[in-house]
Amino acid sequence: MKLKRILAAAIVVVMSLGMFSLNVANAAGTYSISCKNDAYGMHHGGIYLQAGYVYNDSNFGTAGDTNAATGISGNQQYIMMLEEAYVGNDCLYAGAADTNGTAVVAGDVARLAVNAIVGAVSNRIDTAYSTRSSGAGATGLTFTTQHDGGAMSANNLVGGLSIWGDFASSDVKNTQTFTNVRLDSNKYDGDASSYSVGVDKTFGKALVGVVISNLDTDFKTTFNDGTYKQQVDTYGVYLAYRTSVLTIDLGIGQGDSTIDTTRRDLGNDQTITGKTTADIEYSNARIAAQFSRGKFSIVPSLSYRTMSMDIAAFTDDRPDDNTASVSGDGLLFGSGNQTLTVADDAIAARSVESENMEAGINISANLGKVVPFIKLSYSTEDTTKASYKTEAGTDGDALDIAASNYSSSYTVGGGVNFMIGSHITGGLRLGTINGRDDWEENYMAGNISIGF
């Protein structure tokens, strides 16, 4: 019986220690002190893992200074017994959790932005040329690089000018595993919405236009328990030329962006805020061919698009601590060294880029007023990879997750276009992006075009 009681007591002790370790790993600092409190440096390091009191002399912290004291005297000072009891494990681990969102998300935003801007222009070019033809099969909406949104154009207003608008929305998610802040991850999710407004004019077989575009992103950044919001504004020019079979178009543009980020200070649970700007440039080119076989139209295409984003340096503002903290065994700070001041984080300037090459094919069937179609494409990309801060401690046996490295994807989609009368055409389409590492992206869209 005595043996059973001993075993039962041992099990309880082991379980209690396990729960304590788990709480330390996932909770904020025990004393609600910021990970960047000015006093943090005084309590971080092997020499502070000694117990009780030590002699405050010229050998303090050296190999020869091992005398533990049992009381306070003029040449002794009290120090922390355990480093974890002050800052908590969260402050020591997780490079990703202590990383500003620009280092993880900005590359993906560049990809989303260039796809939205170039997609809107490509959709307009297809529509502009197709309205010269007749029949629902010539709506031009049977092939487009724009994944989602609604489009509207009003042609031949003044002096042959046309004005058009395109509206889009995407839901995206990085699906990397996230367990707690001790392990790196780029997991985040949210949505991006965009609009483009343009004016263009045809000169024979050529089309020349200007476009203004906006993209807004709103993401929840799970990896650092924060948010990431970016607004991109650009303006550009585009040129297209169509022969009996081929359509070739080019575009360039530039603009600026504002970025607002938040994340959690793992020591005191307060919100760290950051704000910066970025300069943007983009360019694109596409060639498409159209072949007709009875009621069917086959359109293979090859396109290239790239966007660069130069993000300015900025400061992540950590709120100062607002309470003095006391441990259960004594003062956290000795007399005269108590501080509530927290050091802000300097975030260095950074450049990101997303470059994409896509080969696709669209197959449509002209059924009169209705044109169903399918779209298949394969894309390779070179998007700037996420980067994490260096961790202050090791994760032990835990395996960190490397940042996602996107290289390729394929699109499977389809839909139906329709014509109402002789001036209104529209369409519905849906599809999914597959094969991009740690990524989910589905789209459903509609568009309308009104011609005069």
Protein backbone atom coordinates (compact mmCIF):
# COMPACT_ATOMS: atom_id res chain seq x y z
CA MET A 1 0.00 0.00 0.00
CA LYS A 2 2.86 2.32 0.87
CA LEU A 3 4.35 1.66 -2.57
CA LYS A 4 1.03 2.51 -4.25
CA ARG A 5 0.81 5.80 -2.38
CA ILE A 6 4.36 6.69 -3.41
CA LEU A 7 3.62 5.88 -7.08
CA ALA A 8 0.38 7.90 -6.98
CA ALA A 9 2.19 10.88 -5.49
CA ALA A 10 4.93 10.63 -8.13
CA ILE A 11 2.37 10.61 -10.96
CA VAL A 12 0.67 13.71 -9.56
CA VAL A 13 4.02 15.52 -9.29
CA VAL A 14 5.00 14.61 -12.87
CA MET A 15 1.63 15.74 -14.27
CA SER A 16 1.81 19.00 -12.33
CA LEU A 17 5.29 19.74 -13.64
CA GLY A 18 4.12 18.95 -17.18
CA MET A 19 1.18 21.33 -16.92
CA PHE A 20 3.44 24.03 -15.50
CA SER A 21 5.87 23.59 -18.38
CA LEU A 22 3.03 23.77 -20.91
CA ASN A 23 1.67 26.96 -19.36
CA VAL A 24 5.09 28.60 -19.38
CA ALA A 25 5.53 27.69 -23.04
CA ASN A 26 2.24 29.18 -24.17
CA ALA A 27 1.51 32.02 -21.74
CA ALA A 28 2.89 35.52 -21.72
CA GLY A 29 5.63 36.47 -19.26
CA THR A 30 4.79 35.52 -15.69
CA TYR A 31 5.20 39.07 -14.42
CA SER A 32 3.50 40.85 -17.33
CA ILE A 33 6.73 42.60 -18.24
CA SER A 34 7.49 43.35 -21.89
CA CYS A 35 10.03 41.18 -23.67
CA LYS A 36 11.90 44.43 -24.44
CA ASN A 37 11.73 46.04 -21.00
CA ASP A 38 15.02 47.87 -20.28
CA ALA A 39 15.50 45.58 -17.29
CA TYR A 40 15.32 42.47 -19.47
CA GLY A 41 19.07 42.51 -20.11
CA MET A 42 19.77 42.46 -16.38
CA HIS A 43 17.85 39.20 -16.02
CA HIS A 44 18.85 37.33 -19.16
CA GLY A 45 21.86 35.05 -19.13
CA GLY A 46 23.41 32.05 -17.41
CA ILE A 47 24.85 34.03 -14.49
CA TYR A 48 21.32 34.86 -13.40
CA LEU A 49 20.31 31.25 -12.98
CA GLN A 50 22.07 31.07 -9.61
CA ALA A 51 19.86 30.88 -6.55
CA GLY A 52 19.49 33.32 -3.69
CA TYR A 53 22.08 36.05 -3.10
CA VAL A 54 25.61 36.50 -4.47
CA TYR A 55 28.49 38.75 -3.57
CA ASN A 56 28.33 42.04 -5.49
CA ASP A 57 32.04 42.40 -6.15
CA SER A 58 34.39 42.64 -9.14
CA ASN A 59 34.12 38.88 -9.70
CA PHE A 60 30.31 38.93 -9.91
CA GLY A 61 29.16 36.36 -12.44
CA THR A 62 32.58 34.83 -12.98
CA ALA A 63 33.52 31.22 -12.51
CA GLY A 64 35.12 32.05 -9.19
CA ASP A 65 32.04 33.76 -7.78
CA THR A 66 30.02 30.80 -6.56
CA ASN A 67 29.34 31.77 -2.96
CA ALA A 68 25.68 31.84 -2.15
CA ALA A 69 24.60 34.12 0.67
CA THR A 70 21.89 33.58 3.18
CA GLY A 71 21.08 37.19 3.99
CA ILE A 72 21.35 40.76 2.80
CA SER A 73 24.37 42.89 3.61
CA GLY A 74 26.04 45.96 2.17
CA ASN A 75 28.05 44.05 -0.43
CA GLN A 76 25.34 41.63 -1.60
CA GLN A 77 22.33 41.93 -3.89
CA TYR A 78 19.27 39.86 -4.64
CA ILE A 79 18.85 38.40 -8.16
CA MET A 80 16.24 36.32 -9.98
CA MET A 81 16.34 32.60 -9.29
CA LEU A 82 14.91 31.46 -12.62
CA GLU A 83 15.05 33.28 -15.93
CA GLU A 84 11.73 31.71 -17.05
CA ALA A 85 9.93 33.19 -14.05
CA TYR A 86 10.66 36.69 -15.31
CA VAL A 87 10.13 36.72 -19.06
CA GLY A 88 8.43 33.40 -19.74
CA ASN A 89 9.57 31.01 -22.45
CA ASP A 90 7.63 32.90 -25.12
CA CYS A 91 10.15 35.74 -25.05
CA LEU A 92 13.01 33.31 -25.65
CA TYR A 93 11.57 31.33 -28.54
CA ALA A 94 9.67 31.96 -31.78
CA GLY A 95 11.47 34.08 -34.29
CA ALA A 96 8.23 34.23 -36.27
CA ALA A 97 6.15 35.37 -33.29
CA ASP A 98 8.60 38.23 -32.68
CA THR A 99 8.69 39.24 -36.37
CA ASN A 100 6.84 42.18 -37.93
CA GLY A 101 4.30 41.07 -40.54
CA THR A 102 6.07 42.84 -43.44
CA ALA A 103 8.82 40.20 -43.36
CA VAL A 104 6.30 37.38 -43.85
CA VAL A 105 3.30 38.74 -45.79
CA ALA A 106 4.59 41.48 -48.12
CA GLY A 107 5.78 39.12 -50.87
CA ASP A 108 2.34 37.52 -51.13
CA VAL A 109 0.71 40.97 -51.25
CA ALA A 110 2.92 41.88 -54.23
CA ARG A 111 1.70 38.74 -56.01
CA LEU A 112 -1.96 39.46 -55.23
CA ALA A 113 -1.62 43.09 -56.34
CA VAL A 114 0.03 42.43 -59.70
CA ASN A 115 -2.45 39.64 -60.46
CA ALA A 116 -5.39 41.95 -59.72
CA ILE A 117 -4.06 44.96 -61.67
CA VAL A 118 -2.85 43.04 -64.72
CA GLY A 119 -5.90 40.79 -64.64
CA ALA A 120 -8.23 43.78 -64.77
CA VAL A 121 -6.38 45.29 -67.75
CA SER A 122 -6.25 41.96 -69.59
CA ASN A 123 -9.97 41.50 -69.05
CA ARG A 124 -10.61 44.98 -70.46
CA ILE A 125 -8.45 44.33 -73.53
CA ASP A 126 -10.27 41.08 -74.27
CA THR A 127 -13.62 42.81 -73.94
CA ALA A 128 -12.62 45.84 -76.01
CA TYR A 129 -11.58 43.77 -79.02
CA SER A 130 -14.48 41.36 -78.77
CA THR A 131 -17.16 44.07 -78.85
CA ARG A 132 -16.19 44.75 -82.45
CA SER A 133 -17.44 41.31 -83.41
CA SER A 134 -20.93 39.92 -83.27
CA GLY A 135 -22.60 37.07 -81.43
CA ALA A 136 -22.28 35.85 -77.88
CA GLY A 137 -19.23 33.84 -78.78
CA ALA A 138 -17.38 37.10 -79.37
CA THR A 139 -18.00 38.59 -75.95
CA GLY A 140 -14.32 38.15 -75.19
CA LEU A 141 -15.23 36.91 -71.74
CA THR A 142 -14.52 33.32 -72.69
CA PHE A 143 -10.89 33.87 -71.72
CA THR A 144 -9.31 36.18 -69.18
CA THR A 145 -6.44 36.19 -66.69
CA GLN A 146 -8.57 37.92 -64.06
CA HIS A 147 -9.51 35.34 -61.45
CA ASP A 148 -12.49 37.07 -59.93
CA GLY A 149 -14.53 40.23 -59.82
CA GLY A 150 -17.12 42.16 -61.78
CA ALA A 151 -16.35 44.30 -64.80
CA MET A 152 -18.26 47.02 -66.58
CA SER A 153 -17.38 49.16 -69.60
CA ALA A 154 -19.10 51.97 -71.45
CA ASN A 155 -17.63 52.32 -74.92
CA ASN A 156 -17.42 55.13 -77.46
CA LEU A 157 -18.24 58.04 -75.17
CA VAL A 158 -16.45 61.18 -76.42
CA GLY A 159 -14.16 61.14 -79.44
CA GLY A 160 -14.03 57.35 -79.44
CA LEU A 161 -12.90 57.13 -75.80
CA SER A 162 -14.11 54.31 -73.53
CA ILE A 163 -14.25 54.17 -69.76
CA TRP A 164 -14.25 50.89 -67.86
CA GLY A 165 -14.19 49.53 -64.34
CA ASP A 166 -13.21 46.21 -62.82
CA PHE A 167 -13.88 45.00 -59.26
CA ALA A 168 -12.41 41.91 -57.59
CA SER A 169 -12.15 40.07 -54.30
CA SER A 170 -9.98 37.14 -53.16
CA ASP A 171 -9.89 34.99 -50.02
CA VAL A 172 -6.45 33.60 -49.24
CA LYS A 173 -4.94 31.44 -46.52
CA ASN A 174 -1.47 30.23 -45.63
CA THR A 175 -2.14 26.82 -44.14
CA GLN A 176 1.16 26.11 -42.39
CA THR A 177 0.80 24.28 -39.08
CA PHE A 178 0.62 26.51 -36.01
CA THR A 179 0.75 25.05 -32.50
CA ASN A 180 2.07 27.84 -30.26
CA VAL A 181 4.45 30.77 -30.31
CA ARG A 182 7.45 28.58 -29.53
CA LEU A 183 7.43 27.18 -33.08
CA ASP A 184 7.91 29.22 -36.25
CA SER A 185 5.12 29.41 -38.83
CA ASN A 186 3.86 31.74 -41.55
CA LYS A 187 0.22 30.91 -40.95
CA TYR A 188 -2.16 33.78 -41.78
CA ASP A 189 -5.46 34.31 -43.59
CA GLY A 190 -7.70 37.10 -44.84
CA ASP A 191 -8.98 38.78 -47.96
CA ALA A 192 -7.88 41.22 -50.65
CA SER A 193 -10.27 43.45 -52.60
CA SER A 194 -9.39 45.60 -55.60
CA TYR A 195 -10.79 47.90 -58.22
CA SER A 196 -9.41 49.37 -61.45
CA VAL A 197 -10.74 52.26 -63.53
CA GLY A 198 -9.39 53.01 -66.98
CA VAL A 199 -9.83 55.11 -70.11
CA ASP A 200 -8.68 53.92 -73.53
CA LYS A 201 -9.07 54.50 -77.27
CA THR A 202 -8.61 52.32 -80.34
CA PHE A 203 -6.42 53.27 -83.29
CA GLY A 204 -7.16 50.74 -85.99
CA LYS A 205 -6.00 47.42 -84.57
CA ALA A 206 -4.21 49.08 -81.63
CA LEU A 207 -5.64 49.96 -78.23
CA VAL A 208 -3.98 52.51 -75.92
CA GLY A 209 -5.15 53.24 -72.37
CA VAL A 210 -4.39 54.42 -68.85
CA VAL A 211 -5.51 52.71 -65.65
CA ILE A 212 -5.74 53.57 -61.95
CA SER A 213 -5.91 50.66 -59.51
CA ASN A 214 -6.36 50.07 -55.80
CA LEU A 215 -5.86 46.93 -53.70
CA ASP A 216 -6.79 46.61 -50.01
CA THR A 217 -5.66 43.66 -47.91
CA ASP A 218 -6.91 42.73 -44.45
CA PHE A 219 -5.15 39.75 -42.85
CA LYS A 220 -5.05 38.04 -39.47
CA THR A 221 -1.43 37.06 -38.86
CA THR A 222 -1.65 34.02 -36.64
CA PHE A 223 2.13 33.55 -36.52
CA ASN A 224 2.56 36.69 -34.36
CA ASP A 225 -0.98 37.06 -33.02
CA GLY A 226 -1.50 40.26 -34.96
CA THR A 227 -2.91 41.90 -38.08
CA TYR A 228 -1.59 43.14 -41.41
CA LYS A 229 -3.35 45.77 -43.52
CA GLN A 230 -1.93 47.17 -46.74
CA GLN A 231 -3.37 49.56 -49.30
CA VAL A 232 -1.78 49.68 -52.74
CA ASP A 233 -2.47 52.53 -55.19
CA THR A 234 -1.01 52.46 -58.71
CA TYR A 235 -1.40 54.12 -62.08
CA GLY A 236 -0.16 52.77 -65.39
CA VAL A 237 -0.44 52.64 -69.17
CA TYR A 238 -1.16 49.73 -71.47
CA LEU A 239 -0.92 49.00 -75.18
CA ALA A 240 -2.50 46.16 -77.16
CA TYR A 241 -2.45 45.09 -80.80
CA ARG A 242 -4.59 42.44 -82.44
CA THR A 243 -4.21 40.58 -85.71
CA SER A 244 -6.65 38.05 -87.14
CA VAL A 245 -5.30 35.37 -84.78
CA LEU A 246 -2.94 36.92 -82.23
CA THR A 247 -3.42 39.51 -79.49
CA ILE A 248 -0.34 41.06 -77.90
CA ASP A 249 -0.49 43.46 -74.95
CA LEU A 250 2.05 45.23 -72.70
CA GLY A 251 1.73 47.34 -69.58
CA ILE A 252 3.81 49.25 -67.03
CA GLY A 253 2.91 51.19 -63.90
CA GLN A 254 4.02 52.49 -60.55
CA GLY A 255 2.53 53.69 -57.30
CA ASP A 256 2.78 53.71 -53.54
CA SER A 257 1.42 51.86 -50.56
CA THR A 258 0.70 52.22 -46.84
CA ILE A 259 1.15 49.35 -44.42
CA ASP A 260 -0.23 49.01 -40.88
CA THR A 261 0.73 46.09 -38.65
CA THR A 262 0.04 44.86 -35.14
CA ARG A 263 1.42 41.99 -33.08
CA ARG A 264 1.44 40.90 -29.46
CA ASP A 265 4.23 41.57 -27.00
CA LEU A 266 4.64 38.06 -25.64
CA GLY A 267 5.78 39.37 -22.27
CA ASN A 268 2.96 41.71 -21.28
CA ASP A 269 0.19 40.93 -23.82
CA GLN A 270 0.08 44.53 -25.05
CA THR A 271 -0.23 45.40 -28.76
CA ILE A 272 2.84 46.41 -30.75
CA THR A 273 1.97 48.74 -33.67
CA GLY A 274 3.89 49.62 -36.81
CA LYS A 275 3.24 51.84 -39.81
CA THR A 276 5.29 52.34 -42.99
CA THR A 277 5.11 53.08 -46.72
CA ALA A 278 6.36 51.42 -49.89
CA ASP A 279 7.16 52.39 -53.48
CA ILE A 280 5.81 50.06 -56.17
CA GLU A 281 6.58 49.26 -59.82
CA TYR A 282 5.00 46.64 -62.07
CA SER A 283 5.11 45.45 -65.68
CA ASN A 284 3.43 42.77 -67.76
CA ALA A 285 3.27 41.22 -71.21
CA ARG A 286 0.92 38.68 -72.81
CA ILE A 287 0.39 36.93 -76.11
CA ALA A 288 -2.76 34.95 -76.93
CA ALA A 289 -4.00 33.15 -80.01
CA GLN A 290 -7.61 32.33 -80.92
CA PHE A 291 -8.62 29.32 -83.00
CA SER A 292 -12.21 28.43 -83.94
CA ARG A 293 -13.52 24.97 -84.79
CA GLY A 294 -17.24 25.14 -85.45
CA LYS A 295 -18.95 26.20 -82.24
CA PHE A 296 -15.74 25.80 -80.22
CA SER A 297 -13.08 28.41 -79.59
CA ILE A 298 -9.63 27.47 -78.28
CA VAL A 299 -7.39 30.23 -76.89
CA PRO A 300 -3.88 29.34 -75.68
CA SER A 301 -1.95 32.15 -73.99
CA LEU A 302 1.41 32.94 -72.42
CA SER A 303 1.78 35.80 -69.94
CA TYR A 304 4.43 37.40 -67.76
CA ARG A 305 3.94 39.84 -64.87
CA THR A 306 6.12 41.19 -62.10
CA MET A 307 5.85 43.66 -59.22
CA SER A 308 8.56 45.06 -56.94
CA MET A 309 7.85 46.73 -53.60
CA ASP A 310 10.44 48.79 -51.69
CA ILE A 311 9.34 49.02 -48.05
CA ALA A 312 10.73 51.95 -46.02
CA ALA A 313 12.37 51.41 -42.63
CA PHE A 314 10.13 52.08 -39.62
CA THR A 315 9.72 51.57 -35.90
CA ASP A 316 7.55 49.00 -34.15
CA ASP A 317 6.13 50.82 -31.14
CA ARG A 318 6.01 48.74 -27.96
CA PRO A 319 3.89 50.36 -25.20
CA ASP A 320 5.72 50.90 -21.92
CA ASP A 321 4.84 48.62 -19.05
CA ASN A 322 2.25 50.18 -16.77
CA THR A 323 2.65 48.21 -13.53
CA ALA A 324 5.50 47.47 -11.17
CA SER A 325 5.84 43.73 -10.65
CA VAL A 326 6.70 41.80 -7.52
CA SER A 327 7.54 38.10 -7.36
CA GLY A 328 6.29 35.74 -4.72
CA ASP A 329 9.76 35.42 -3.18
CA GLY A 330 10.84 39.04 -3.27
CA LEU A 331 11.16 42.12 -5.42
CA LEU A 332 11.54 41.53 -9.15
CA PHE A 333 13.70 44.66 -9.31
CA GLY A 334 16.09 45.71 -6.58
CA SER A 335 15.67 49.16 -5.06
CA GLY A 336 16.65 51.92 -7.45
CA ASN A 337 16.58 49.84 -10.64
CA GLN A 338 12.83 49.50 -11.16
CA THR A 339 11.88 50.49 -14.74
CA LEU A 340 8.71 50.52 -16.80
CA THR A 341 10.46 51.71 -19.98
CA VAL A 342 10.23 49.43 -23.01
CA ALA A 343 12.56 49.59 -26.03
CA ASP A 344 10.91 49.90 -29.46
CA ASP A 345 11.96 47.67 -32.38
CA ALA A 346 13.74 49.14 -35.41
CA ILE A 347 12.49 47.42 -38.57
CA ALA A 348 14.97 47.69 -41.45
CA ALA A 349 14.01 48.67 -44.99
CA ARG A 350 13.16 45.69 -47.19
CA SER A 351 12.45 44.98 -50.86
CA VAL A 352 10.15 42.20 -52.06
CA GLU A 353 9.21 41.02 -55.53
CA SER A 354 6.82 38.61 -57.19
CA GLU A 355 7.52 37.41 -60.73
CA ASN A 356 5.08 35.09 -62.52
CA MET A 357 5.06 33.25 -65.84
CA GLU A 358 1.78 31.58 -66.82
CA ALA A 359 0.77 29.29 -69.67
CA GLY A 360 -2.95 28.65 -70.08
CA ILE A 361 -5.69 27.50 -72.36
CA ASN A 362 -9.39 28.38 -72.51
CA ILE A 363 -11.97 26.32 -74.34
CA SER A 364 -15.44 27.75 -74.95
CA ALA A 365 -18.56 26.62 -76.79
CA ASN A 366 -20.73 29.16 -78.63
CA LEU A 367 -24.33 28.15 -77.94
CA GLY A 368 -25.84 31.41 -79.16
CA LYS A 369 -26.68 33.70 -76.25
CA VAL A 370 -24.82 31.46 -73.80
CA VAL A 371 -21.13 30.50 -73.89
CA PRO A 372 -19.87 27.98 -71.31
CA PHE A 373 -16.09 27.68 -70.93
CA ILE A 374 -13.31 26.02 -68.97
CA LYS A 375 -9.90 27.43 -68.06
CA LEU A 376 -6.70 25.54 -67.28
CA SER A 377 -3.35 27.18 -66.59
CA TYR A 378 0.03 26.50 -65.03
CA SER A 379 2.11 29.21 -63.38
CA THR A 380 5.69 29.38 -62.12
CA GLU A 381 6.68 32.14 -59.74
CA ASP A 382 9.58 33.69 -57.90
CA THR A 383 8.09 35.44 -54.86
CA THR A 384 10.27 36.79 -52.05
CA LYS A 385 10.34 34.24 -49.24
CA ALA A 386 9.28 35.06 -45.69
CA SER A 387 12.07 35.71 -43.18
CA TYR A 388 11.93 35.35 -39.38
CA LYS A 389 13.83 37.03 -36.57
CA THR A 390 16.59 34.99 -34.99
CA GLU A 391 15.40 33.18 -31.90
CA ALA A 392 16.92 34.04 -28.53
CA GLY A 393 16.71 30.44 -27.34
CA THR A 394 16.57 26.94 -28.72
CA ASP A 395 13.42 24.90 -29.16
CA GLY A 396 14.97 21.76 -27.78
CA ASP A 397 13.71 18.72 -29.64
CA ALA A 398 10.91 20.66 -31.34
CA LEU A 399 11.22 21.03 -35.11
CA ASP A 400 10.69 24.52 -36.50
CA ILE A 401 8.70 24.93 -39.70
CA ALA A 402 10.63 26.61 -42.51
CA ALA A 403 9.06 29.58 -44.29
CA SER A 404 6.90 28.68 -47.29
CA ASN A 405 8.76 28.76 -50.60
CA TYR A 406 6.21 29.17 -53.38
CA SER A 407 7.37 28.01 -56.80
CA SER A 408 4.43 26.88 -58.93
CA SER A 409 0.67 26.43 -59.05
CA TYR A 410 -2.10 25.48 -61.44
CA THR A 411 -5.59 26.85 -61.94
CA VAL A 412 -8.73 24.87 -62.70
CA GLY A 413 -11.77 26.98 -63.43
CA GLY A 414 -14.78 27.50 -65.60
CA GLY A 415 -18.01 29.39 -66.02
CA VAL A 416 -20.56 30.74 -68.43
CA ASN A 417 -20.89 33.98 -70.38
CA PHE A 418 -24.15 35.37 -71.71
CA MET A 419 -25.57 38.15 -73.83
CA ILE A 420 -28.74 40.16 -73.13
CA GLY A 421 -29.85 42.10 -76.17
CA SER A 422 -27.11 43.68 -78.22
CA HIS A 423 -25.52 45.94 -75.60
CA ILE A 424 -25.20 43.91 -72.40
CA THR A 425 -22.93 40.93 -71.84
CA GLY A 426 -21.91 39.27 -68.61
CA GLY A 427 -20.56 36.14 -67.07
CA LEU A 428 -20.10 33.96 -64.02
CA ARG A 429 -16.99 31.94 -63.25
CA LEU A 430 -15.38 29.99 -60.44
CA GLY A 431 -12.24 28.00 -59.82
CA THR A 432 -9.41 27.15 -57.50
CA ILE A 433 -5.65 27.66 -57.26
CA ASN A 434 -3.85 24.39 -56.54
CA GLY A 435 -0.30 23.19 -55.96
CA ARG A 436 1.04 26.33 -54.24
CA ASP A 437 2.80 25.18 -51.07
CA ASP A 438 0.87 25.87 -47.84
CA TRP A 439 -1.73 27.87 -49.73
CA GLU A 440 -5.47 27.90 -50.35
CA GLU A 441 -7.15 30.24 -52.84
CA ASN A 442 -10.61 29.80 -54.29
CA TYR A 443 -12.53 32.29 -56.36
CA MET A 444 -16.07 32.89 -57.59
CA ALA A 445 -16.80 35.85 -59.82
CA GLY A 446 -19.19 37.75 -61.99
CA ASN A 447 -18.82 40.47 -64.59
CA ILE A 448 -20.98 42.73 -66.72
CA SER A 449 -20.15 44.83 -69.77
CA ILE A 450 -22.37 47.56 -71.16
CA GLY A 451 -21.61 48.92 -74.61
CA PHE A 452 -23.01 51.97 -76.38
